[in-house]
PDB file of N, CA and C in Angstrom:
ATOM      1  N   UNK A   1     -12.391  -4.873   2.610  1.00  0.00           N
ATOM      2  CA  UNK A   1     -11.150  -5.352   3.161  1.00  0.00           C
ATOM      3  C   UNK A   1     -10.221  -5.732   2.017  1.00  0.00           C
ATOM      4  N   UNK A   2      -8.964  -5.393   2.160  1.00  0.00           N
ATOM      5  CA  UNK A   2      -7.949  -5.665   1.149  1.00  0.00           C
ATOM      6  C   UNK A   2      -7.128  -6.873   1.552  1.00  0.00           C
ATOM      7  N   UNK A   3      -6.635  -7.603   0.573  1.00  0.00           N
ATOM      8  CA  UNK A   3      -5.835  -8.802   0.845  1.00  0.00           C
ATOM      9  C   UNK A   3      -4.355  -8.582   0.576  1.00  0.00           C
ATOM     10  N   UNK A   4      -3.534  -9.460   1.106  1.00  0.00           N
ATOM     11  CA  UNK A   4      -2.093  -9.389   0.899  1.00  0.00           C
ATOM     12  C   UNK A   4      -1.772  -9.465  -0.585  1.00  0.00           C
ATOM     13  N   UNK A   5      -0.846  -8.611  -1.024  1.00  0.00           N
ATOM     14  CA  UNK A   5      -0.438  -8.583  -2.417  1.00  0.00           C
ATOM     15  C   UNK A   5      -1.320  -7.737  -3.315  1.00  0.00           C
ATOM     16  N   UNK A   6      -2.430  -7.240  -2.800  1.00  0.00           N
ATOM     17  CA  UNK A   6      -3.347  -6.439  -3.609  1.00  0.00           C
ATOM     18  C   UNK A   6      -2.780  -5.037  -3.819  1.00  0.00           C
ATOM     19  N   UNK A   7      -2.884  -4.544  -5.047  1.00  0.00           N
ATOM     20  CA  UNK A   7      -2.412  -3.198  -5.373  1.00  0.00           C
ATOM     21  C   UNK A   7      -3.454  -2.184  -4.959  1.00  0.00           C
ATOM     22  N   UNK A   8      -3.006  -1.123  -4.290  1.00  0.00           N
ATOM     23  CA  UNK A   8      -3.906  -0.087  -3.796  1.00  0.00           C
ATOM     24  C   UNK A   8      -3.315   1.297  -4.063  1.00  0.00           C
ATOM     25  N   UNK A   9      -4.180   2.292  -3.976  1.00  0.00           N
ATOM     26  CA  UNK A   9      -3.756   3.685  -4.036  1.00  0.00           C
ATOM     27  C   UNK A   9      -4.082   4.302  -2.683  1.00  0.00           C
ATOM     28  N   UNK A  10      -3.073   4.867  -2.048  1.00  0.00           N
ATOM     29  CA  UNK A  10      -3.220   5.547  -0.763  1.00  0.00           C
ATOM     30  C   UNK A  10      -3.440   7.022  -1.047  1.00  0.00           C
ATOM     31  N   UNK A  11      -4.552   7.577  -0.560  1.00  0.00           N
ATOM     32  CA  UNK A  11      -4.883   8.983  -0.760  1.00  0.00           C
ATOM     33  C   UNK A  11      -4.599   9.739   0.525  1.00  0.00           C
ATOM     34  N   UNK A  12      -3.683  10.704   0.447  1.00  0.00           N
ATOM     35  CA  UNK A  12      -3.359  11.567   1.580  1.00  0.00           C
ATOM     36  C   UNK A  12      -3.400  13.002   1.086  1.00  0.00           C
ATOM     37  N   UNK A  13      -4.533  13.664   1.298  1.00  0.00           N
ATOM     38  CA  UNK A  13      -4.696  15.023   0.773  1.00  0.00           C
ATOM     39  C   UNK A  13      -4.670  14.988  -0.739  1.00  0.00           C
ATOM     40  N   UNK A  14      -3.745  15.730  -1.335  1.00  0.00           N
ATOM     41  CA  UNK A  14      -3.612  15.758  -2.800  1.00  0.00           C
ATOM     42  C   UNK A  14      -2.653  14.689  -3.315  1.00  0.00           C
ATOM     43  N   UNK A  15      -2.025  13.976  -2.416  1.00  0.00           N
ATOM     44  CA  UNK A  15      -1.046  12.966  -2.792  1.00  0.00           C
ATOM     45  C   UNK A  15      -1.696  11.608  -2.972  1.00  0.00           C
ATOM     46  N   UNK A  16      -1.333  10.935  -4.040  1.00  0.00           N
ATOM     47  CA  UNK A  16      -1.760   9.558  -4.298  1.00  0.00           C
ATOM     48  C   UNK A  16      -0.511   8.696  -4.403  1.00  0.00           C
ATOM     49  N   UNK A  17      -0.467   7.621  -3.627  1.00  0.00           N
ATOM     50  CA  UNK A  17       0.703   6.753  -3.608  1.00  0.00           C
ATOM     51  C   UNK A  17       0.269   5.345  -3.986  1.00  0.00           C
ATOM     52  N   UNK A  18       0.874   4.808  -5.037  1.00  0.00           N
ATOM     53  CA  UNK A  18       0.584   3.457  -5.492  1.00  0.00           C
ATOM     54  C   UNK A  18       1.464   2.482  -4.725  1.00  0.00           C
ATOM     55  N   UNK A  19       0.868   1.418  -4.208  1.00  0.00           N
ATOM     56  CA  UNK A  19       1.635   0.421  -3.470  1.00  0.00           C
ATOM     57  C   UNK A  19       0.876  -0.887  -3.387  1.00  0.00           C
ATOM     58  N   UNK A  20       1.425  -1.843  -2.657  1.00  0.00           N
ATOM     59  CA  UNK A  20       0.775  -3.139  -2.508  1.00  0.00           C
ATOM     60  C   UNK A  20       0.716  -3.505  -1.034  1.00  0.00           C
ATOM     61  N   UNK A  21      -0.371  -4.175  -0.670  1.00  0.00           N
ATOM     62  CA  UNK A  21      -0.604  -4.593   0.712  1.00  0.00           C
ATOM     63  C   UNK A  21       0.337  -5.736   1.062  1.00  0.00           C
ATOM     64  N   UNK A  22       1.010  -5.595   2.193  1.00  0.00           N
ATOM     65  CA  UNK A  22       1.861  -6.690   2.652  1.00  0.00           C
ATOM     66  C   UNK A  22       1.278  -7.365   3.888  1.00  0.00           C
ATOM     67  N   UNK A  23       0.400  -6.646   4.592  1.00  0.00           N
ATOM     68  CA  UNK A  23      -0.186  -7.236   5.794  1.00  0.00           C
ATOM     69  C   UNK A  23      -1.401  -6.422   6.234  1.00  0.00           C
ATOM     70  N   UNK A  24      -2.414  -7.120   6.704  1.00  0.00           N
ATOM     71  CA  UNK A  24      -3.598  -6.475   7.271  1.00  0.00           C
ATOM     72  C   UNK A  24      -3.658  -6.819   8.760  1.00  0.00           C
ATOM     73  N   UNK A  25      -3.879  -5.802   9.595  1.00  0.00           N
ATOM     74  CA  UNK A  25      -3.945  -6.022  11.038  1.00  0.00           C
ATOM     75  C   UNK A  25      -5.269  -5.476  11.566  1.00  0.00           C
ATOM     76  N   UNK A  26      -6.092  -6.370  12.098  1.00  0.00           N
ATOM     77  CA  UNK A  26      -7.347  -5.946  12.714  1.00  0.00           C
ATOM     78  C   UNK A  26      -6.997  -5.324  14.058  1.00  0.00           C
ATOM     79  N   UNK A  27      -7.390  -4.059  14.248  1.00  0.00           N
ATOM     80  CA  UNK A  27      -7.062  -3.391  15.504  1.00  0.00           C
ATOM     81  C   UNK A  27      -8.283  -3.158  16.383  1.00  0.00           C
ATOM     82  N   UNK A  28      -9.472  -3.450  15.849  1.00  0.00           N
ATOM     83  CA  UNK A  28     -10.690  -3.368  16.656  1.00  0.00           C
ATOM     84  C   UNK A  28     -11.718  -4.339  16.096  1.00  0.00           C
ATOM     85  N   UNK A  29     -12.397  -5.075  16.996  1.00  0.00           N
ATOM     86  CA  UNK A  29     -13.411  -6.053  16.596  1.00  0.00           C
ATOM     87  C   UNK A  29     -14.675  -5.853  17.414  1.00  0.00           C
ATOM     88  N   UNK A  30     -15.788  -6.297  16.845  1.00  0.00           N
ATOM     89  CA  UNK A  30     -17.046  -6.264  17.573  1.00  0.00           C
ATOM     90  C   UNK A  30     -17.078  -7.445  18.547  1.00  0.00           C
ATOM     91  N   UNK A  31     -18.141  -7.521  19.337  1.00  0.00           N
ATOM     92  CA  UNK A  31     -18.258  -8.620  20.299  1.00  0.00           C
ATOM     93  C   UNK A  31     -18.352  -9.983  19.600  1.00  0.00           C
ATOM     94  N   UNK A  32     -18.763  -9.992  18.328  1.00  0.00           N
ATOM     95  CA  UNK A  32     -18.830 -11.252  17.570  1.00  0.00           C
ATOM     96  C   UNK A  32     -17.577 -11.466  16.715  1.00  0.00           C
ATOM     97  N   UNK A  33     -16.495 -10.768  17.080  1.00  0.00           N
ATOM     98  CA  UNK A  33     -15.205 -10.863  16.391  1.00  0.00           C
ATOM     99  C   UNK A  33     -15.231 -10.424  14.935  1.00  0.00           C
ATOM    100  N   UNK A  34     -16.190  -9.590  14.559  1.00  0.00           N
ATOM    101  CA  UNK A  34     -16.219  -8.994  13.224  1.00  0.00           C
ATOM    102  C   UNK A  34     -15.255  -7.809  13.222  1.00  0.00           C
ATOM    103  N   UNK A  35     -14.364  -7.715  12.234  1.00  0.00           N
ATOM    104  CA  UNK A  35     -13.441  -6.574  12.200  1.00  0.00           C
ATOM    105  C   UNK A  35     -14.178  -5.244  12.083  1.00  0.00           C
ATOM    106  N   UNK A  36     -13.845  -4.312  12.953  1.00  0.00           N
ATOM    107  CA  UNK A  36     -14.413  -2.963  12.900  1.00  0.00           C
ATOM    108  C   UNK A  36     -13.407  -2.014  12.260  1.00  0.00           C
ATOM    109  N   UNK A  37     -12.159  -2.155  12.635  1.00  0.00           N
ATOM    110  CA  UNK A  37     -11.108  -1.288  12.106  1.00  0.00           C
ATOM    111  C   UNK A  37      -9.891  -2.137  11.769  1.00  0.00           C
ATOM    112  N   UNK A  38      -9.383  -1.931  10.566  1.00  0.00           N
ATOM    113  CA  UNK A  38      -8.214  -2.676  10.098  1.00  0.00           C
ATOM    114  C   UNK A  38      -7.164  -1.684   9.617  1.00  0.00           C
ATOM    115  N   UNK A  39      -5.920  -1.912  10.015  1.00  0.00           N
ATOM    116  CA  UNK A  39      -4.793  -1.118   9.519  1.00  0.00           C
ATOM    117  C   UNK A  39      -4.060  -1.979   8.497  1.00  0.00           C
ATOM    118  N   UNK A  40      -3.587  -1.332   7.451  1.00  0.00           N
ATOM    119  CA  UNK A  40      -2.889  -2.043   6.385  1.00  0.00           C
ATOM    120  C   UNK A  40      -1.454  -1.563   6.292  1.00  0.00           C
ATOM    121  N   UNK A  41      -0.553  -2.522   6.150  1.00  0.00           N
ATOM    122  CA  UNK A  41       0.854  -2.219   5.920  1.00  0.00           C
ATOM    123  C   UNK A  41       1.078  -2.419   4.436  1.00  0.00           C
ATOM    124  N   UNK A  42       1.669  -1.410   3.795  1.00  0.00           N
ATOM    125  CA  UNK A  42       1.924  -1.576   2.375  1.00  0.00           C
ATOM    126  C   UNK A  42       3.239  -0.921   1.978  1.00  0.00           C
ATOM    127  N   UNK A  43       3.730  -1.333   0.819  1.00  0.00           N
ATOM    128  CA  UNK A  43       4.994  -0.854   0.279  1.00  0.00           C
ATOM    129  C   UNK A  43       4.735  -0.100  -1.016  1.00  0.00           C
ATOM    130  N   UNK A  44       5.647   0.794  -1.346  1.00  0.00           N
ATOM    131  CA  UNK A  44       5.565   1.553  -2.590  1.00  0.00           C
ATOM    132  C   UNK A  44       6.945   1.683  -3.202  1.00  0.00           C
ATOM    133  N   UNK A  45       6.989   1.875  -4.524  1.00  0.00           N
ATOM    134  CA  UNK A  45       8.243   2.137  -5.219  1.00  0.00           C
ATOM    135  C   UNK A  45       8.400   3.622  -5.513  1.00  0.00           C
ATOM    136  N   UNK A  46       7.361   4.412  -5.245  1.00  0.00           N
ATOM    137  CA  UNK A  46       7.408   5.823  -5.573  1.00  0.00           C
ATOM    138  C   UNK A  46       8.484   6.543  -4.766  1.00  0.00           C
ATOM    139  N   UNK A  47       9.103   7.517  -5.396  1.00  0.00           N
ATOM    140  CA  UNK A  47      10.190   8.245  -4.758  1.00  0.00           C
ATOM    141  C   UNK A  47       9.721   9.160  -3.626  1.00  0.00           C
ATOM    142  N   UNK A  48       8.423   9.400  -3.521  1.00  0.00           N
ATOM    143  CA  UNK A  48       7.901  10.255  -2.453  1.00  0.00           C
ATOM    144  C   UNK A  48       8.339   9.715  -1.100  1.00  0.00           C
ATOM    145  N   UNK A  49       8.365   8.411  -0.997  1.00  0.00           N
ATOM    146  CA  UNK A  49       8.739   7.745   0.248  1.00  0.00           C
ATOM    147  C   UNK A  49       9.759   6.665  -0.044  1.00  0.00           C
ATOM    148  N   UNK A  50      10.473   6.271   0.961  1.00  0.00           N
ATOM    149  CA  UNK A  50      11.460   5.207   0.807  1.00  0.00           C
ATOM    150  C   UNK A  50      10.725   3.884   0.620  1.00  0.00           C
ATOM    151  N   UNK A  51      10.847   3.266  -0.542  1.00  0.00           N
ATOM    152  CA  UNK A  51      10.128   2.045  -0.861  1.00  0.00           C
ATOM    153  C   UNK A  51      10.505   0.848  -0.008  1.00  0.00           C
ATOM    154  N   UNK A  52      11.568   0.963   0.785  1.00  0.00           N
ATOM    155  CA  UNK A  52      11.963  -0.160   1.623  1.00  0.00           C
ATOM    156  C   UNK A  52      11.260  -0.149   2.973  1.00  0.00           C
ATOM    157  N   UNK A  53      10.639   0.958   3.316  1.00  0.00           N
ATOM    158  CA  UNK A  53       9.933   1.070   4.593  1.00  0.00           C
ATOM    159  C   UNK A  53       8.434   0.923   4.357  1.00  0.00           C
ATOM    160  N   UNK A  54       7.751   0.069   5.118  1.00  0.00           N
ATOM    161  CA  UNK A  54       6.304  -0.065   4.919  1.00  0.00           C
ATOM    162  C   UNK A  54       5.565   1.157   5.443  1.00  0.00           C
ATOM    163  N   UNK A  55       4.408   1.419   4.852  1.00  0.00           N
ATOM    164  CA  UNK A  55       3.525   2.493   5.292  1.00  0.00           C
ATOM    165  C   UNK A  55       2.327   1.868   5.977  1.00  0.00           C
ATOM    166  N   UNK A  56       1.722   2.594   6.905  1.00  0.00           N
ATOM    167  CA  UNK A  56       0.488   2.139   7.543  1.00  0.00           C
ATOM    168  C   UNK A  56      -0.654   3.027   7.086  1.00  0.00           C
ATOM    169  N   UNK A  57      -1.809   2.430   6.814  1.00  0.00           N
ATOM    170  CA  UNK A  57      -2.951   3.197   6.343  1.00  0.00           C
ATOM    171  C   UNK A  57      -4.249   2.589   6.843  1.00  0.00           C
ATOM    172  N   UNK A  58      -5.245   3.448   7.023  1.00  0.00           N
ATOM    173  CA  UNK A  58      -6.601   3.008   7.336  1.00  0.00           C
ATOM    174  C   UNK A  58      -7.290   2.574   6.052  1.00  0.00           C
ATOM    175  N   UNK A  59      -8.282   1.727   6.180  1.00  0.00           N
ATOM    176  CA  UNK A  59      -9.025   1.261   5.009  1.00  0.00           C
ATOM    177  C   UNK A  59      -9.678   2.421   4.261  1.00  0.00           C
ATOM    178  N   UNK A  60     -10.121   3.445   4.996  1.00  0.00           N
ATOM    179  CA  UNK A  60     -10.782   4.594   4.369  1.00  0.00           C
ATOM    180  C   UNK A  60      -9.846   5.388   3.462  1.00  0.00           C
ATOM    181  N   UNK A  61      -8.536   5.277   3.680  1.00  0.00           N
ATOM    182  CA  UNK A  61      -7.563   6.028   2.887  1.00  0.00           C
ATOM    183  C   UNK A  61      -7.064   5.256   1.664  1.00  0.00           C
ATOM    184  N   UNK A  62      -7.570   4.043   1.450  1.00  0.00           N
ATOM    185  CA  UNK A  62      -7.096   3.192   0.364  1.00  0.00           C
ATOM    186  C   UNK A  62      -8.170   2.958  -0.682  1.00  0.00           C
ATOM    187  N   UNK A  63      -7.737   2.840  -1.921  1.00  0.00           N
ATOM    188  CA  UNK A  63      -8.616   2.491  -3.031  1.00  0.00           C
ATOM    189  C   UNK A  63      -7.968   1.353  -3.809  1.00  0.00           C
ATOM    190  N   UNK A  64      -8.786   0.480  -4.386  1.00  0.00           N
ATOM    191  CA  UNK A  64      -8.256  -0.587  -5.230  1.00  0.00           C
ATOM    192  C   UNK A  64      -7.663   0.028  -6.486  1.00  0.00           C
ATOM    193  N   UNK A  65      -6.538  -0.501  -6.919  1.00  0.00           N
ATOM    194  CA  UNK A  65      -5.865  -0.003  -8.112  1.00  0.00           C
ATOM    195  C   UNK A  65      -5.967  -1.024  -9.224  1.00  0.00           C
ATOM    196  N   UNK A  66      -6.048  -0.525 -10.420  1.00  0.00           N
ATOM    197  CA  UNK A  66      -6.046  -1.377 -11.606  1.00  0.00           C
ATOM    198  C   UNK A  66      -4.646  -1.369 -12.222  1.00  0.00           C
ATOM    199  N   UNK A  67      -3.640  -1.324 -11.368  1.00  0.00           N
ATOM    200  CA  UNK A  67      -2.247  -1.220 -11.832  1.00  0.00           C
ATOM    201  C   UNK A  67      -1.861  -2.408 -12.695  1.00  0.00           C
ATOM    202  N   UNK A  68      -1.111  -2.114 -13.715  1.00  0.00           N
ATOM    203  CA  UNK A  68      -0.561  -3.159 -14.578  1.00  0.00           C
ATOM    204  C   UNK A  68       0.929  -3.241 -14.285  1.00  0.00           C
ATOM    205  N   UNK A  69       1.373  -4.445 -14.076  1.00  0.00           N
ATOM    206  CA  UNK A  69       2.778  -4.639 -13.747  1.00  0.00           C
ATOM    207  C   UNK A  69       3.646  -4.673 -14.999  1.00  0.00           C
ATOM    208  N   UNK A  70       4.781  -3.993 -14.916  1.00  0.00           N
ATOM    209  CA  UNK A  70       5.790  -4.039 -15.967  1.00  0.00           C
ATOM    210  C   UNK A  70       6.862  -5.029 -15.523  1.00  0.00           C
ATOM    211  N   UNK A  71       7.736  -5.375 -16.453  1.00  0.00           N
ATOM    212  CA  UNK A  71       8.807  -6.306 -16.119  1.00  0.00           C
ATOM    213  C   UNK A  71       9.630  -5.794 -14.945  1.00  0.00           C
ATOM    214  N   UNK A  72       9.932  -4.492 -14.924  1.00  0.00           N
ATOM    215  CA  UNK A  72      10.737  -3.930 -13.839  1.00  0.00           C
ATOM    216  C   UNK A  72      10.006  -4.016 -12.500  1.00  0.00           C
ATOM    217  N   UNK A  73       8.670  -3.904 -12.525  1.00  0.00           N
ATOM    218  CA  UNK A  73       7.879  -4.036 -11.294  1.00  0.00           C
ATOM    219  C   UNK A  73       7.974  -5.452 -10.741  1.00  0.00           C
ATOM    220  N   UNK A  74       7.823  -6.424 -11.625  1.00  0.00           N
ATOM    221  CA  UNK A  74       7.874  -7.815 -11.183  1.00  0.00           C
ATOM    222  C   UNK A  74       9.264  -8.150 -10.658  1.00  0.00           C
ATOM    223  N   UNK A  75      10.301  -7.646 -11.348  1.00  0.00           N
ATOM    224  CA  UNK A  75      11.666  -7.872 -10.873  1.00  0.00           C
ATOM    225  C   UNK A  75      11.870  -7.262  -9.493  1.00  0.00           C
ATOM    226  N   UNK A  76      11.350  -6.058  -9.271  1.00  0.00           N
ATOM    227  CA  UNK A  76      11.480  -5.407  -7.957  1.00  0.00           C
ATOM    228  C   UNK A  76      10.759  -6.214  -6.886  1.00  0.00           C
ATOM    229  N   UNK A  77       9.585  -6.738  -7.218  1.00  0.00           N
ATOM    230  CA  UNK A  77       8.852  -7.562  -6.258  1.00  0.00           C
ATOM    231  C   UNK A  77       9.595  -8.864  -5.981  1.00  0.00           C
ATOM    232  N   UNK A  78      10.211  -9.435  -7.013  1.00  0.00           N
ATOM    233  CA  UNK A  78      10.990 -10.653  -6.799  1.00  0.00           C
ATOM    234  C   UNK A  78      12.189 -10.380  -5.892  1.00  0.00           C
ATOM    235  N   UNK A  79      12.819  -9.217  -6.055  1.00  0.00           N
ATOM    236  CA  UNK A  79      13.925  -8.851  -5.167  1.00  0.00           C
ATOM    237  C   UNK A  79      13.447  -8.742  -3.723  1.00  0.00           C
ATOM    238  N   UNK A  80      12.263  -8.156  -3.548  1.00  0.00           N
ATOM    239  CA  UNK A  80      11.692  -8.047  -2.202  1.00  0.00           C
ATOM    240  C   UNK A  80      11.389  -9.436  -1.643  1.00  0.00           C
ATOM    241  N   UNK A  81      10.874 -10.307  -2.485  1.00  0.00           N
ATOM    242  CA  UNK A  81      10.597 -11.679  -2.042  1.00  0.00           C
ATOM    243  C   UNK A  81      11.886 -12.389  -1.622  1.00  0.00           C
ATOM    244  N   UNK A  82      12.967 -12.156  -2.366  1.00  0.00           N
ATOM    245  CA  UNK A  82      14.256 -12.757  -1.996  1.00  0.00           C
ATOM    246  C   UNK A  82      14.758 -12.183  -0.668  1.00  0.00           C
ATOM    247  N   UNK A  83      14.628 -10.862  -0.503  1.00  0.00           N
ATOM    248  CA  UNK A  83      15.081 -10.231   0.747  1.00  0.00           C
ATOM    249  C   UNK A  83      14.311 -10.740   1.956  1.00  0.00           C
ATOM    250  N   UNK A  84      13.023 -11.009   1.761  1.00  0.00           N
ATOM    251  CA  UNK A  84      12.188 -11.490   2.866  1.00  0.00           C
ATOM    252  C   UNK A  84      12.182 -13.014   2.949  1.00  0.00           C
ATOM    253  N   UNK A  85      12.956 -13.651   2.059  1.00  0.00           N
ATOM    254  CA  UNK A  85      13.077 -15.118   2.020  1.00  0.00           C
ATOM    255  C   UNK A  85      11.720 -15.804   1.845  1.00  0.00           C
ATOM    256  N   UNK A  86      10.862 -15.176   1.012  1.00  0.00           N
ATOM    257  CA  UNK A  86       9.522 -15.692   0.747  1.00  0.00           C
ATOM    258  C   UNK A  86       9.532 -16.447  -0.587  1.00  0.00           C
ATOM    259  N   UNK A  87       9.882 -17.726  -0.524  1.00  0.00           N
ATOM    260  CA  UNK A  87      10.030 -18.547  -1.727  1.00  0.00           C
ATOM    261  C   UNK A  87       8.704 -18.678  -2.474  1.00  0.00           C
ATOM    262  N   UNK A  88       7.613 -18.842  -1.741  1.00  0.00           N
ATOM    263  CA  UNK A  88       6.309 -19.018  -2.378  1.00  0.00           C
ATOM    264  C   UNK A  88       5.935 -17.774  -3.192  1.00  0.00           C
ATOM    265  N   UNK A  89       6.140 -16.586  -2.620  1.00  0.00           N
ATOM    266  CA  UNK A  89       5.823 -15.346  -3.318  1.00  0.00           C
ATOM    267  C   UNK A  89       6.708 -15.201  -4.554  1.00  0.00           C
ATOM    268  N   UNK A  90       7.998 -15.528  -4.426  1.00  0.00           N
ATOM    269  CA  UNK A  90       8.915 -15.467  -5.557  1.00  0.00           C
ATOM    270  C   UNK A  90       8.425 -16.364  -6.689  1.00  0.00           C
ATOM    271  N   UNK A  91       8.000 -17.581  -6.354  1.00  0.00           N
ATOM    272  CA  UNK A  91       7.521 -18.510  -7.371  1.00  0.00           C
ATOM    273  C   UNK A  91       6.225 -18.007  -8.014  1.00  0.00           C
ATOM    274  N   UNK A  92       5.330 -17.408  -7.215  1.00  0.00           N
ATOM    275  CA  UNK A  92       4.098 -16.841  -7.770  1.00  0.00           C
ATOM    276  C   UNK A  92       4.421 -15.729  -8.764  1.00  0.00           C
ATOM    277  N   UNK A  93       5.405 -14.893  -8.420  1.00  0.00           N
ATOM    278  CA  UNK A  93       5.812 -13.820  -9.317  1.00  0.00           C
ATOM    279  C   UNK A  93       6.440 -14.379 -10.593  1.00  0.00           C
ATOM    280  N   UNK A  94       7.185 -15.463 -10.467  1.00  0.00           N
ATOM    281  CA  UNK A  94       7.771 -16.115 -11.645  1.00  0.00           C
ATOM    282  C   UNK A  94       6.678 -16.633 -12.566  1.00  0.00           C
ATOM    283  N   UNK A  95       5.658 -17.256 -11.979  1.00  0.00           N
ATOM    284  CA  UNK A  95       4.532 -17.748 -12.786  1.00  0.00           C
ATOM    285  C   UNK A  95       3.803 -16.578 -13.445  1.00  0.00           C
ATOM    286  N   UNK A  96       3.673 -15.463 -12.729  1.00  0.00           N
ATOM    287  CA  UNK A  96       3.021 -14.281 -13.292  1.00  0.00           C
ATOM    288  C   UNK A  96       3.812 -13.756 -14.488  1.00  0.00           C
ATOM    289  N   UNK A  97       5.131 -13.724 -14.368  1.00  0.00           N
ATOM    290  CA  UNK A  97       5.974 -13.292 -15.489  1.00  0.00           C
ATOM    291  C   UNK A  97       5.738 -14.189 -16.698  1.00  0.00           C
ATOM    292  N   UNK A  98       5.677 -15.502 -16.474  1.00  0.00           N
ATOM    293  CA  UNK A  98       5.442 -16.441 -17.570  1.00  0.00           C
ATOM    294  C   UNK A  98       4.049 -16.242 -18.164  1.00  0.00           C
ATOM    295  N   UNK A  99       3.082 -16.015 -17.307  1.00  0.00           N
ATOM    296  CA  UNK A  99       1.684 -15.879 -17.740  1.00  0.00           C
ATOM    297  C   UNK A  99       1.495 -14.659 -18.645  1.00  0.00           C
ATOM    298  N   UNK A 100       2.100 -13.551 -18.279  1.00  0.00           N
ATOM    299  CA  UNK A 100       1.900 -12.344 -19.067  1.00  0.00           C
ATOM    300  C   UNK A 100       2.932 -12.207 -20.194  1.00  0.00           C
ATOM    301  N   UNK A 101       3.778 -13.240 -20.320  1.00  0.00           N
ATOM    302  CA  UNK A 101       4.673 -13.296 -21.466  1.00  0.00           C
ATOM    303  C   UNK A 101       5.946 -12.481 -21.336  1.00  0.00           C
ATOM    304  N   UNK A 102       6.363 -12.172 -20.118  1.00  0.00           N
ATOM    305  CA  UNK A 102       7.620 -11.439 -19.951  1.00  0.00           C
ATOM    306  C   UNK A 102       8.728 -12.482 -19.849  1.00  0.00           C
ATOM    307  N   UNK A 103       9.417 -12.651 -20.947  1.00  0.00           N
ATOM    308  CA  UNK A 103      10.511 -13.622 -20.972  1.00  0.00           C
ATOM    309  C   UNK A 103      11.644 -13.030 -21.787  1.00  0.00           C
ATOM    310  N   UNK A 104      12.806 -13.399 -21.457  1.00  0.00           N
ATOM    311  CA  UNK A 104      13.979 -12.991 -22.235  1.00  0.00           C
ATOM    312  C   UNK A 104      14.145 -14.005 -23.356  1.00  0.00           C
ATOM    313  N   UNK A 105      14.363 -13.514 -24.548  1.00  0.00           N
ATOM    314  CA  UNK A 105      14.639 -14.408 -25.677  1.00  0.00           C
ATOM    315  C   UNK A 105      16.069 -14.903 -25.554  1.00  0.00           C
ATOM    316  N   UNK A 106      16.222 -16.203 -25.591  1.00  0.00           N
ATOM    317  CA  UNK A 106      17.545 -16.808 -25.504  1.00  0.00           C
ATOM    318  C   UNK A 106      17.893 -17.336 -26.890  1.00  0.00           C
ATOM    319  N   UNK A 107      18.981 -16.828 -27.422  1.00  0.00           N
ATOM    320  CA  UNK A 107      19.401 -17.321 -28.740  1.00  0.00           C
ATOM    321  C   UNK A 107      20.558 -18.290 -28.571  1.00  0.00           C
ATOM    322  N   UNK A 108      20.558 -19.311 -29.357  1.00  0.00           N
ATOM    323  CA  UNK A 108      21.616 -20.333 -29.282  1.00  0.00           C
ATOM    324  C   UNK A 108      22.751 -19.985 -30.201  1.00  0.00           C
TER     325      UNK A 108
END
């Protein structure tokens, strides 16, 4: 099972699409409420698809990605956080930028 914000690769035939999970929806459960089937909503920046529209995928079509974020990636995610009015996510991304040392040098 994948968690929100996790980077994944969606495999569709010969196409691989890098994106991040925005929501997991259990669509089938066992009698003991164990998830049997989960659909994932995720976003991508790749030009193959419009990055503003979420994609839906089955767990079997997704793989964990070892993606490394660049400054432009974090900025794009922060823009998405602002558009969705998700202050907590924006702050987490800001801390991530500080943690990995992406800062603008300010000269006096």
